[in-house]
């Protein structure tokens, strides 16, 4: 299944991705990072399957980046690392856009959605408890951006 719709990024289920997850533990199968960037939002969505997409609120992005091996590998690492952040996250029912200089993480699990957030200053001064996940998300973002040819 290829994810092509921004709304689907948050609502896709493990079974829609073809994943069979155990029911006796909470497993992260997708992670979404929303990054407020000067009035617009960049959203990076990655899944256990290696599928990954970048959505820009200003329009555009990269959809279906997981067809590239480098993107797929980065997406899988991002999701795998997010499992270790589950204990820092809070179970949530709704999502909201990040405010100025804020970064939000949404962990999609077989037991619902979990969220966490911090402000950019804490990532810059390396005090954020979410820093390793942010850095891994940036690696996925870099790989996604490299799949798009530069325009001259």
C-alpha atoms as a PDB file:
ATOM      1  CA  UNK A   1       0.000   0.000   0.000  1.00  0.00           C
ATOM      2  CA  UNK A   2       1.399   3.404  -0.950  1.00  0.00           C
ATOM      3  CA  UNK A   3       0.448   6.345   1.174  1.00  0.00           C
ATOM      4  CA  UNK A   4      -0.536   9.243  -1.007  1.00  0.00           C
ATOM      5  CA  UNK A   5      -2.786  11.367   1.170  1.00  0.00           C
ATOM      6  CA  UNK A   6      -1.624  13.550   4.076  1.00  0.00           C
ATOM      7  CA  UNK A   7      -4.654  12.633   6.210  1.00  0.00           C
ATOM      8  CA  UNK A   8      -3.956   8.967   5.641  1.00  0.00           C
ATOM      9  CA  UNK A   9      -0.521   9.404   7.204  1.00  0.00           C
ATOM     10  CA  UNK A  10      -2.195   9.672  10.619  1.00  0.00           C
ATOM     11  CA  UNK A  11      -5.035   7.222  10.097  1.00  0.00           C
ATOM     12  CA  UNK A  12      -3.316   4.271   8.425  1.00  0.00           C
ATOM     13  CA  UNK A  13      -3.495   1.084  10.452  1.00  0.00           C
ATOM     14  CA  UNK A  14      -0.934  -1.660  10.848  1.00  0.00           C
ATOM     15  CA  UNK A  15      -3.196  -4.076   8.968  1.00  0.00           C
ATOM     16  CA  UNK A  16      -3.526  -1.621   6.052  1.00  0.00           C
ATOM     17  CA  UNK A  17       0.272  -1.701   5.859  1.00  0.00           C
ATOM     18  CA  UNK A  18       0.183  -5.494   5.807  1.00  0.00           C
ATOM     19  CA  UNK A  19       1.672  -5.771   9.293  1.00  0.00           C
ATOM     20  CA  UNK A  20       0.669  -8.390  11.830  1.00  0.00           C
ATOM     21  CA  UNK A  21       1.509  -7.092  15.294  1.00  0.00           C
ATOM     22  CA  UNK A  22       1.257  -8.942  18.600  1.00  0.00           C
ATOM     23  CA  UNK A  23      -1.696  -7.948  20.773  1.00  0.00           C
ATOM     24  CA  UNK A  24       0.041  -8.421  24.119  1.00  0.00           C
ATOM     25  CA  UNK A  25       2.365  -5.409  23.804  1.00  0.00           C
ATOM     26  CA  UNK A  26       2.328  -1.888  22.400  1.00  0.00           C
ATOM     27  CA  UNK A  27       4.229  -1.748  19.120  1.00  0.00           C
ATOM     28  CA  UNK A  28       5.048   1.424  17.182  1.00  0.00           C
ATOM     29  CA  UNK A  29       4.440   0.827  13.470  1.00  0.00           C
ATOM     30  CA  UNK A  30       4.632   4.461  12.344  1.00  0.00           C
ATOM     31  CA  UNK A  31       6.077   7.769  13.452  1.00  0.00           C
ATOM     32  CA  UNK A  32       5.135  11.232  12.266  1.00  0.00           C
ATOM     33  CA  UNK A  33       7.214  14.316  12.997  1.00  0.00           C
ATOM     34  CA  UNK A  34       5.534  17.717  12.568  1.00  0.00           C
ATOM     35  CA  UNK A  35       8.004  20.583  12.440  1.00  0.00           C
ATOM     36  CA  UNK A  36       6.914  24.225  12.494  1.00  0.00           C
ATOM     37  CA  UNK A  37       9.218  26.147  10.186  1.00  0.00           C
ATOM     38  CA  UNK A  38       8.562  29.857  10.076  1.00  0.00           C
ATOM     39  CA  UNK A  39       4.808  29.803   9.575  1.00  0.00           C
ATOM     40  CA  UNK A  40       4.543  26.534   7.676  1.00  0.00           C
ATOM     41  CA  UNK A  41       4.738  22.909   8.751  1.00  0.00           C
ATOM     42  CA  UNK A  42       6.854  20.064   7.429  1.00  0.00           C
ATOM     43  CA  UNK A  43       5.473  16.607   8.197  1.00  0.00           C
ATOM     44  CA  UNK A  44       7.638  13.513   7.890  1.00  0.00           C
ATOM     45  CA  UNK A  45       5.774  10.195   8.071  1.00  0.00           C
ATOM     46  CA  UNK A  46       7.650   6.880   8.303  1.00  0.00           C
ATOM     47  CA  UNK A  47       6.403   3.321   8.749  1.00  0.00           C
ATOM     48  CA  UNK A  48       7.752  -0.126   9.679  1.00  0.00           C
ATOM     49  CA  UNK A  49       7.312  -1.121   6.038  1.00  0.00           C
ATOM     50  CA  UNK A  50       9.909   1.470   4.978  1.00  0.00           C
ATOM     51  CA  UNK A  51       7.316   3.711   3.368  1.00  0.00           C
ATOM     52  CA  UNK A  52       8.005   7.387   3.994  1.00  0.00           C
ATOM     53  CA  UNK A  53       6.628  10.711   2.834  1.00  0.00           C
ATOM     54  CA  UNK A  54       7.244  14.398   3.374  1.00  0.00           C
ATOM     55  CA  UNK A  55       4.333  16.823   3.287  1.00  0.00           C
ATOM     56  CA  UNK A  56       4.717  20.601   3.281  1.00  0.00           C
ATOM     57  CA  UNK A  57       1.806  22.776   4.405  1.00  0.00           C
ATOM     58  CA  UNK A  58       2.927  25.331   1.823  1.00  0.00           C
ATOM     59  CA  UNK A  59       2.321  22.696  -0.856  1.00  0.00           C
ATOM     60  CA  UNK A  60       4.374  19.906  -2.303  1.00  0.00           C
ATOM     61  CA  UNK A  61       6.527  17.301  -0.700  1.00  0.00           C
ATOM     62  CA  UNK A  62       7.776  13.815  -1.487  1.00  0.00           C
ATOM     63  CA  UNK A  63       5.291  10.952  -1.467  1.00  0.00           C
ATOM     64  CA  UNK A  64       6.130   7.267  -1.603  1.00  0.00           C
ATOM     65  CA  UNK A  65       9.819   7.758  -0.896  1.00  0.00           C
ATOM     66  CA  UNK A  66      10.054   4.246   0.513  1.00  0.00           C
ATOM     67  CA  UNK A  67      10.511   2.867  -2.985  1.00  0.00           C
ATOM     68  CA  UNK A  68      14.125   4.080  -2.686  1.00  0.00           C
ATOM     69  CA  UNK A  69      16.278   1.745  -0.584  1.00  0.00           C
ATOM     70  CA  UNK A  70      18.059   4.591   1.234  1.00  0.00           C
ATOM     71  CA  UNK A  71      14.725   6.169   2.227  1.00  0.00           C
ATOM     72  CA  UNK A  72      13.229   2.818   3.224  1.00  0.00           C
ATOM     73  CA  UNK A  73      16.188   2.040   5.471  1.00  0.00           C
ATOM     74  CA  UNK A  74      16.078   5.501   7.097  1.00  0.00           C
ATOM     75  CA  UNK A  75      12.308   5.218   7.645  1.00  0.00           C
ATOM     76  CA  UNK A  76      12.687   1.814   9.288  1.00  0.00           C
ATOM     77  CA  UNK A  77      15.423   3.143  11.606  1.00  0.00           C
ATOM     78  CA  UNK A  78      13.220   6.141  12.531  1.00  0.00           C
ATOM     79  CA  UNK A  79      10.303   3.859  13.429  1.00  0.00           C
ATOM     80  CA  UNK A  80      12.516   1.392  15.272  1.00  0.00           C
ATOM     81  CA  UNK A  81      14.046   4.144  17.406  1.00  0.00           C
ATOM     82  CA  UNK A  82      10.599   5.609  18.117  1.00  0.00           C
ATOM     83  CA  UNK A  83       9.669   2.394  19.942  1.00  0.00           C
ATOM     84  CA  UNK A  84      12.235   3.312  22.609  1.00  0.00           C
ATOM     85  CA  UNK A  85      10.519   6.702  23.088  1.00  0.00           C
ATOM     86  CA  UNK A  86       7.073   5.255  23.738  1.00  0.00           C
ATOM     87  CA  UNK A  87       7.518   5.529  27.517  1.00  0.00           C
ATOM     88  CA  UNK A  88       8.157   9.296  27.137  1.00  0.00           C
ATOM     89  CA  UNK A  89       4.995   9.824  25.099  1.00  0.00           C
ATOM     90  CA  UNK A  90       1.417  10.387  26.233  1.00  0.00           C
ATOM     91  CA  UNK A  91      -1.588   8.594  24.758  1.00  0.00           C
ATOM     92  CA  UNK A  92      -3.587  11.109  22.713  1.00  0.00           C
ATOM     93  CA  UNK A  93      -6.841  11.092  20.782  1.00  0.00           C
ATOM     94  CA  UNK A  94      -6.346  14.121  18.548  1.00  0.00           C
ATOM     95  CA  UNK A  95      -3.504  15.814  16.758  1.00  0.00           C
ATOM     96  CA  UNK A  96      -2.786  19.528  16.596  1.00  0.00           C
ATOM     97  CA  UNK A  97      -0.376  21.521  14.492  1.00  0.00           C
ATOM     98  CA  UNK A  98       2.864  22.560  16.146  1.00  0.00           C
ATOM     99  CA  UNK A  99       3.064  26.118  17.402  1.00  0.00           C
ATOM    100  CA  UNK A 100       5.933  28.491  16.613  1.00  0.00           C
ATOM    101  CA  UNK A 101       9.320  26.751  16.879  1.00  0.00           C
ATOM    102  CA  UNK A 102       7.729  23.518  18.087  1.00  0.00           C
ATOM    103  CA  UNK A 103       8.285  19.959  16.947  1.00  0.00           C
ATOM    104  CA  UNK A 104       5.700  17.264  17.602  1.00  0.00           C
ATOM    105  CA  UNK A 105       6.052  13.511  17.383  1.00  0.00           C
ATOM    106  CA  UNK A 106       3.143  11.145  16.854  1.00  0.00           C
ATOM    107  CA  UNK A 107       3.778   7.469  17.497  1.00  0.00           C
ATOM    108  CA  UNK A 108       1.231   5.245  15.776  1.00  0.00           C
ATOM    109  CA  UNK A 109       0.809   1.974  17.650  1.00  0.00           C
ATOM    110  CA  UNK A 110      -1.432  -1.061  17.684  1.00  0.00           C
ATOM    111  CA  UNK A 111      -2.879   0.407  20.922  1.00  0.00           C
ATOM    112  CA  UNK A 112      -3.573   3.943  19.668  1.00  0.00           C
ATOM    113  CA  UNK A 113      -1.662   7.147  19.030  1.00  0.00           C
ATOM    114  CA  UNK A 114       0.916   8.597  21.408  1.00  0.00           C
ATOM    115  CA  UNK A 115       2.456  12.038  21.265  1.00  0.00           C
ATOM    116  CA  UNK A 116       5.369  14.078  22.484  1.00  0.00           C
ATOM    117  CA  UNK A 117       6.786  17.498  21.734  1.00  0.00           C
ATOM    118  CA  UNK A 118       9.464  20.034  22.483  1.00  0.00           C
ATOM    119  CA  UNK A 119      10.603  23.440  21.300  1.00  0.00           C
ATOM    120  CA  UNK A 120      13.357  23.995  18.760  1.00  0.00           C
ATOM    121  CA  UNK A 121      15.610  25.755  21.274  1.00  0.00           C
ATOM    122  CA  UNK A 122      15.831  22.538  23.322  1.00  0.00           C
ATOM    123  CA  UNK A 123      16.913  20.596  20.235  1.00  0.00           C
ATOM    124  CA  UNK A 124      19.473  23.262  19.356  1.00  0.00           C
ATOM    125  CA  UNK A 125      21.014  23.301  22.851  1.00  0.00           C
ATOM    126  CA  UNK A 126      20.791  19.480  23.000  1.00  0.00           C
ATOM    127  CA  UNK A 127      18.665  19.436  26.172  1.00  0.00           C
ATOM    128  CA  UNK A 128      15.565  17.805  24.663  1.00  0.00           C
ATOM    129  CA  UNK A 129      14.706  14.273  25.769  1.00  0.00           C
ATOM    130  CA  UNK A 130      13.451  13.827  22.188  1.00  0.00           C
ATOM    131  CA  UNK A 131      16.802  14.782  20.588  1.00  0.00           C
ATOM    132  CA  UNK A 132      17.811  11.294  19.317  1.00  0.00           C
ATOM    133  CA  UNK A 133      14.402  10.829  17.699  1.00  0.00           C
ATOM    134  CA  UNK A 134      14.579  14.297  16.151  1.00  0.00           C
ATOM    135  CA  UNK A 135      18.018  13.506  14.735  1.00  0.00           C
ATOM    136  CA  UNK A 136      16.801  10.199  13.284  1.00  0.00           C
ATOM    137  CA  UNK A 137      13.788  11.987  11.784  1.00  0.00           C
ATOM    138  CA  UNK A 138      16.166  14.457  10.165  1.00  0.00           C
ATOM    139  CA  UNK A 139      18.102  11.588   8.607  1.00  0.00           C
ATOM    140  CA  UNK A 140      14.852  10.274   7.097  1.00  0.00           C
ATOM    141  CA  UNK A 141      14.048  13.807   5.908  1.00  0.00           C
ATOM    142  CA  UNK A 142      17.475  14.140   4.281  1.00  0.00           C
ATOM    143  CA  UNK A 143      17.055  10.838   2.440  1.00  0.00           C
ATOM    144  CA  UNK A 144      13.569  11.848   1.271  1.00  0.00           C
ATOM    145  CA  UNK A 145      14.794  15.213   0.009  1.00  0.00           C
ATOM    146  CA  UNK A 146      17.604  13.539  -1.942  1.00  0.00           C
ATOM    147  CA  UNK A 147      15.045  11.572  -3.984  1.00  0.00           C
ATOM    148  CA  UNK A 148      13.817  14.816  -5.536  1.00  0.00           C
ATOM    149  CA  UNK A 149      16.035  16.236  -8.293  1.00  0.00           C
ATOM    150  CA  UNK A 150      17.215  19.793  -7.792  1.00  0.00           C
ATOM    151  CA  UNK A 151      15.490  22.339 -10.032  1.00  0.00           C
ATOM    152  CA  UNK A 152      17.737  24.711 -11.935  1.00  0.00           C
END
